[in-house]
Amino acid sequence: MPEFSCSVTQSPARWSAADVLVWKLVPESWGGGRPYIQRFKDGWVHHHRAAIRVAARERRFPPELLAGVCWIEVAGDPSGIDRLAFEVRAFDWSGPDWVDRNMTITHEPGRTSFGAVSMQLRTAAHTLGLNPARLTMEQLRGLAGCLENDAFNIDIVARHLRQIIDRDGLQTQPPALSEDAVRVAGARYNRGMGLSLERIRANMSYGNFIVRFWPRLAGLLGT
């Protein structure tokens, strides 16, 4: 079984509980509110623009798609909340199997999201070709640590987007993607691999946002 070991890379700023308070409680006229979180998102994407461009180029799709997913997912809950949620769930799901199947009160630990660009552990495992149900708690903790490494985080999101593009046959002339393909890819990233394409098309608001935001994303990437 795999062993995950990644050092955590630090951005110039990490989204913290203090940032949440400024975002939620400080009026826009005093520098808080929606503009505050948007400035943070802009800064994060711009700081990681080189890694985003490289990861998208290696997976042969436009970097603005990856940047859009990053922009949407970055910030929100502080990272410490994810770690606390995981440990609570890990305790609740500590076995034996019959107890886990019938008496747990929390979601399984693999449904916990980690990383600045939020991704569930089970999604990350599937993206790496692994069965999350066969990973031990220590291996899940190791994978969580890797997701908290910004370079790893960006790369695995790019891998997952590549799998989405291939799943729905969205690309005919790599690395280009049509606007419709971007809408579908973004929507599926948000809503999951299990839904039919018809159901994905019923709600593509996540992908629609990326398309509308495309010029701003290009500016943040310096492209």
Protein backbone atom coordinates (compact mmCIF):
# COMPACT_ATOMS: atom_id res chain seq x y z
CA MET A 1 0.00 0.00 0.00
CA PRO A 2 1.20 3.56 -0.67
CA GLU A 3 2.93 5.72 1.88
CA PHE A 4 2.26 9.46 1.58
CA SER A 5 4.88 11.89 2.81
CA CYS A 6 4.86 15.51 1.66
CA SER A 7 6.21 18.65 3.26
CA VAL A 8 3.66 21.44 3.60
CA THR A 9 4.49 24.47 1.46
CA GLN A 10 3.36 27.82 2.79
CA SER A 11 1.76 30.51 0.69
CA PRO A 12 2.48 34.13 1.62
CA ALA A 13 -0.86 34.00 3.44
CA ARG A 14 -2.97 31.09 4.66
CA TRP A 15 -6.70 31.50 5.09
CA SER A 16 -7.31 31.56 8.83
CA ALA A 17 -10.10 31.92 11.36
CA ALA A 18 -9.19 35.62 11.62
CA ASP A 19 -9.75 35.98 7.86
CA VAL A 20 -13.17 34.38 8.21
CA LEU A 21 -14.11 36.92 10.87
CA VAL A 22 -12.99 39.84 8.69
CA TRP A 23 -14.87 38.39 5.70
CA LYS A 24 -18.07 37.72 7.61
CA LEU A 25 -18.20 40.54 10.18
CA VAL A 26 -16.28 43.58 8.91
CA PRO A 27 -18.27 45.83 6.53
CA GLU A 28 -17.05 46.25 2.96
CA SER A 29 -16.53 49.95 3.63
CA TRP A 30 -13.96 48.97 6.27
CA GLY A 31 -12.15 46.48 4.04
CA GLY A 32 -14.08 43.32 4.87
CA GLY A 33 -16.94 41.46 3.24
CA ARG A 34 -16.92 39.97 -0.25
CA PRO A 35 -14.07 42.13 -1.61
CA TYR A 36 -11.82 40.84 1.20
CA ILE A 37 -12.20 37.18 0.27
CA GLN A 38 -12.00 37.99 -3.43
CA ARG A 39 -8.68 39.79 -2.93
CA PHE A 40 -7.38 36.75 -1.09
CA LYS A 41 -8.48 34.42 -3.91
CA ASP A 42 -6.92 36.71 -6.53
CA GLY A 43 -3.66 36.80 -4.60
CA TRP A 44 -3.53 33.03 -4.13
CA VAL A 45 -4.07 32.27 -7.81
CA HIS A 46 -1.58 34.93 -8.90
CA HIS A 47 1.07 33.66 -6.47
CA HIS A 48 0.65 30.09 -7.79
CA ARG A 49 0.31 31.06 -11.45
CA ALA A 50 3.47 29.25 -12.54
CA ALA A 51 2.43 25.97 -10.89
CA ILE A 52 -1.08 26.29 -12.35
CA ARG A 53 0.27 26.88 -15.87
CA VAL A 54 2.69 23.93 -15.63
CA ALA A 55 0.06 21.51 -14.27
CA ALA A 56 -2.46 22.50 -16.96
CA ARG A 57 0.13 22.28 -19.73
CA GLU A 58 1.15 18.77 -18.63
CA ARG A 59 -2.53 17.68 -18.66
CA ARG A 60 -3.19 19.49 -21.96
CA PHE A 61 -6.03 21.84 -21.14
CA PRO A 62 -6.27 25.64 -20.70
CA PRO A 63 -4.78 26.93 -17.43
CA GLU A 64 -7.76 29.22 -16.91
CA LEU A 65 -9.92 26.15 -16.17
CA LEU A 66 -7.58 25.03 -13.40
CA ALA A 67 -7.22 28.60 -12.14
CA GLY A 68 -11.00 28.91 -12.02
CA VAL A 69 -11.39 25.83 -9.87
CA CYS A 70 -8.59 27.09 -7.60
CA TRP A 71 -10.20 30.54 -7.32
CA ILE A 72 -13.57 29.11 -6.34
CA GLU A 73 -12.26 26.55 -3.86
CA VAL A 74 -9.58 28.60 -2.08
CA ALA A 75 -10.64 30.21 1.22
CA GLY A 76 -13.87 29.59 3.11
CA ASP A 77 -13.31 27.38 6.14
CA PRO A 78 -9.87 27.64 7.82
CA SER A 79 -7.70 24.55 7.27
CA GLY A 80 -7.67 23.63 10.97
CA ILE A 81 -11.38 22.84 10.77
CA ASP A 82 -10.68 20.10 8.20
CA ARG A 83 -8.08 18.45 10.41
CA LEU A 84 -10.40 18.55 13.43
CA ALA A 85 -13.28 17.11 11.39
CA PHE A 86 -11.05 14.29 10.14
CA GLU A 87 -9.88 13.31 13.61
CA VAL A 88 -13.45 13.30 14.96
CA ARG A 89 -14.56 11.09 12.07
CA ALA A 90 -11.50 8.84 12.42
CA PHE A 91 -12.39 8.25 16.08
CA ASP A 92 -16.04 7.61 15.22
CA TRP A 93 -15.00 5.12 12.50
CA SER A 94 -12.37 3.31 14.56
CA GLY A 95 -14.15 -0.07 14.27
CA PRO A 96 -14.98 -2.85 14.55
CA ASP A 97 -16.62 -3.11 11.11
CA TRP A 98 -20.14 -3.83 12.41
CA VAL A 99 -20.00 -0.74 14.60
CA ASP A 100 -18.72 1.39 11.70
CA ARG A 101 -21.54 0.21 9.45
CA ASN A 102 -24.35 0.60 11.97
CA MET A 103 -23.50 2.95 14.81
CA THR A 104 -21.40 5.84 13.46
CA ILE A 105 -22.88 9.34 13.60
CA THR A 106 -20.41 11.17 11.32
CA HIS A 107 -19.44 10.90 7.66
CA GLU A 108 -16.64 8.47 6.89
CA PRO A 109 -13.15 10.06 7.19
CA GLY A 110 -12.54 9.78 3.44
CA ARG A 111 -15.24 12.40 2.84
CA THR A 112 -13.17 15.04 4.64
CA SER A 113 -11.76 17.74 2.36
CA PHE A 114 -8.20 19.03 2.60
CA GLY A 115 -5.96 21.50 0.80
CA ALA A 116 -6.21 25.15 -0.11
CA VAL A 117 -8.01 23.92 -3.24
CA SER A 118 -10.48 21.81 -1.32
CA MET A 119 -10.66 18.13 -2.33
CA GLN A 120 -12.13 15.15 -0.51
CA LEU A 121 -9.65 12.43 0.47
CA ARG A 122 -11.67 9.79 -1.37
CA THR A 123 -11.63 11.88 -4.55
CA ALA A 124 -7.88 12.34 -4.26
CA ALA A 125 -7.42 8.59 -3.75
CA HIS A 126 -9.56 7.73 -6.79
CA THR A 127 -7.63 10.30 -8.85
CA LEU A 128 -4.40 8.51 -7.91
CA GLY A 129 -5.88 5.15 -8.91
CA LEU A 130 -6.36 3.97 -5.32
CA ASN A 131 -9.32 2.50 -3.49
CA PRO A 132 -10.01 4.84 -0.54
CA ALA A 133 -11.80 2.07 1.34
CA ARG A 134 -8.52 0.14 1.51
CA LEU A 135 -6.43 3.00 2.90
CA THR A 136 -5.64 2.97 6.60
CA MET A 137 -6.24 5.99 8.79
CA GLU A 138 -2.50 6.68 8.78
CA GLN A 139 -2.44 6.57 5.00
CA LEU A 140 -5.41 8.92 4.84
CA ARG A 141 -3.57 11.26 7.21
CA GLY A 142 -0.54 11.11 4.91
CA LEU A 143 -2.70 11.89 1.88
CA ALA A 144 -4.26 14.79 3.80
CA GLY A 145 -0.78 16.15 4.47
CA CYS A 146 0.04 15.95 0.78
CA LEU A 147 -3.13 17.85 -0.11
CA GLU A 148 -1.94 20.59 2.24
CA ASN A 149 1.17 20.88 0.04
CA ASP A 150 0.13 23.54 -2.48
CA ALA A 151 2.17 22.06 -5.36
CA PHE A 152 0.71 18.58 -4.83
CA ASN A 153 -2.75 20.08 -4.33
CA ILE A 154 -2.66 21.96 -7.63
CA ASP A 155 -1.28 18.97 -9.52
CA ILE A 156 -3.89 16.50 -8.26
CA VAL A 157 -6.71 18.93 -9.10
CA ALA A 158 -5.25 19.13 -12.62
CA ARG A 159 -5.16 15.32 -12.81
CA HIS A 160 -8.78 15.14 -11.71
CA LEU A 161 -9.83 17.71 -14.32
CA ARG A 162 -8.03 15.66 -16.99
CA GLN A 163 -10.02 12.60 -15.92
CA ILE A 164 -13.24 14.62 -16.08
CA ILE A 165 -12.42 15.85 -19.59
CA ASP A 166 -11.73 12.29 -20.73
CA ARG A 167 -14.80 10.86 -19.00
CA ASP A 168 -17.20 13.10 -20.90
CA GLY A 169 -15.20 13.28 -24.15
CA LEU A 170 -14.99 17.05 -23.89
CA GLN A 171 -11.85 17.66 -25.93
CA THR A 172 -11.20 17.16 -29.64
CA GLN A 173 -8.21 19.46 -30.20
CA PRO A 174 -5.93 19.49 -27.13
CA PRO A 175 -5.07 21.69 -25.36
CA ALA A 176 -8.09 23.79 -26.43
CA LEU A 177 -11.49 23.45 -24.78
CA SER A 178 -14.76 24.94 -25.95
CA GLU A 179 -16.79 27.14 -23.63
CA ASP A 180 -19.34 24.35 -23.34
CA ALA A 181 -16.61 21.89 -22.36
CA VAL A 182 -15.37 24.28 -19.67
CA ARG A 183 -18.90 24.61 -18.31
CA VAL A 184 -19.31 20.82 -18.13
CA ALA A 185 -15.85 20.19 -16.65
CA GLY A 186 -16.35 22.81 -13.97
CA ALA A 187 -19.81 21.53 -13.12
CA ARG A 188 -18.62 17.93 -12.84
CA TYR A 189 -15.68 18.96 -10.64
CA ASN A 190 -18.23 20.45 -8.28
CA ARG A 191 -20.93 17.78 -8.52
CA GLY A 192 -18.97 14.53 -8.90
CA MET A 193 -18.04 11.79 -11.31
CA GLY A 194 -21.07 9.60 -10.61
CA LEU A 195 -23.74 11.76 -12.26
CA SER A 196 -24.77 11.31 -15.88
CA LEU A 197 -23.84 14.04 -18.36
CA GLU A 198 -27.52 14.87 -18.67
CA ARG A 199 -27.78 15.55 -14.93
CA ILE A 200 -24.57 17.57 -14.98
CA ARG A 201 -26.00 19.78 -17.74
CA ALA A 202 -29.07 20.44 -15.61
CA ASN A 203 -26.96 22.59 -13.27
CA MET A 204 -23.72 24.04 -14.60
CA SER A 205 -23.53 27.17 -12.44
CA TYR A 206 -19.99 26.32 -11.24
CA GLY A 207 -18.71 25.98 -14.81
CA ASN A 208 -20.70 28.99 -15.97
CA PHE A 209 -18.90 31.09 -13.35
CA ILE A 210 -15.50 30.02 -14.70
CA VAL A 211 -16.50 30.98 -18.24
CA ARG A 212 -17.76 34.40 -17.12
CA PHE A 213 -14.61 34.90 -15.05
CA TRP A 214 -12.22 33.79 -17.84
CA PRO A 215 -10.68 37.21 -18.66
CA ARG A 216 -9.96 37.88 -14.98
CA LEU A 217 -8.40 34.42 -14.59
CA ALA A 218 -6.22 35.03 -17.64
CA GLY A 219 -5.06 38.29 -16.07
CA LEU A 220 -4.21 36.59 -12.78
CA LEU A 221 -2.16 34.00 -14.67
CA GLY A 222 -0.36 36.65 -16.66
CA THR A 223 -1.56 35.10 -19.92
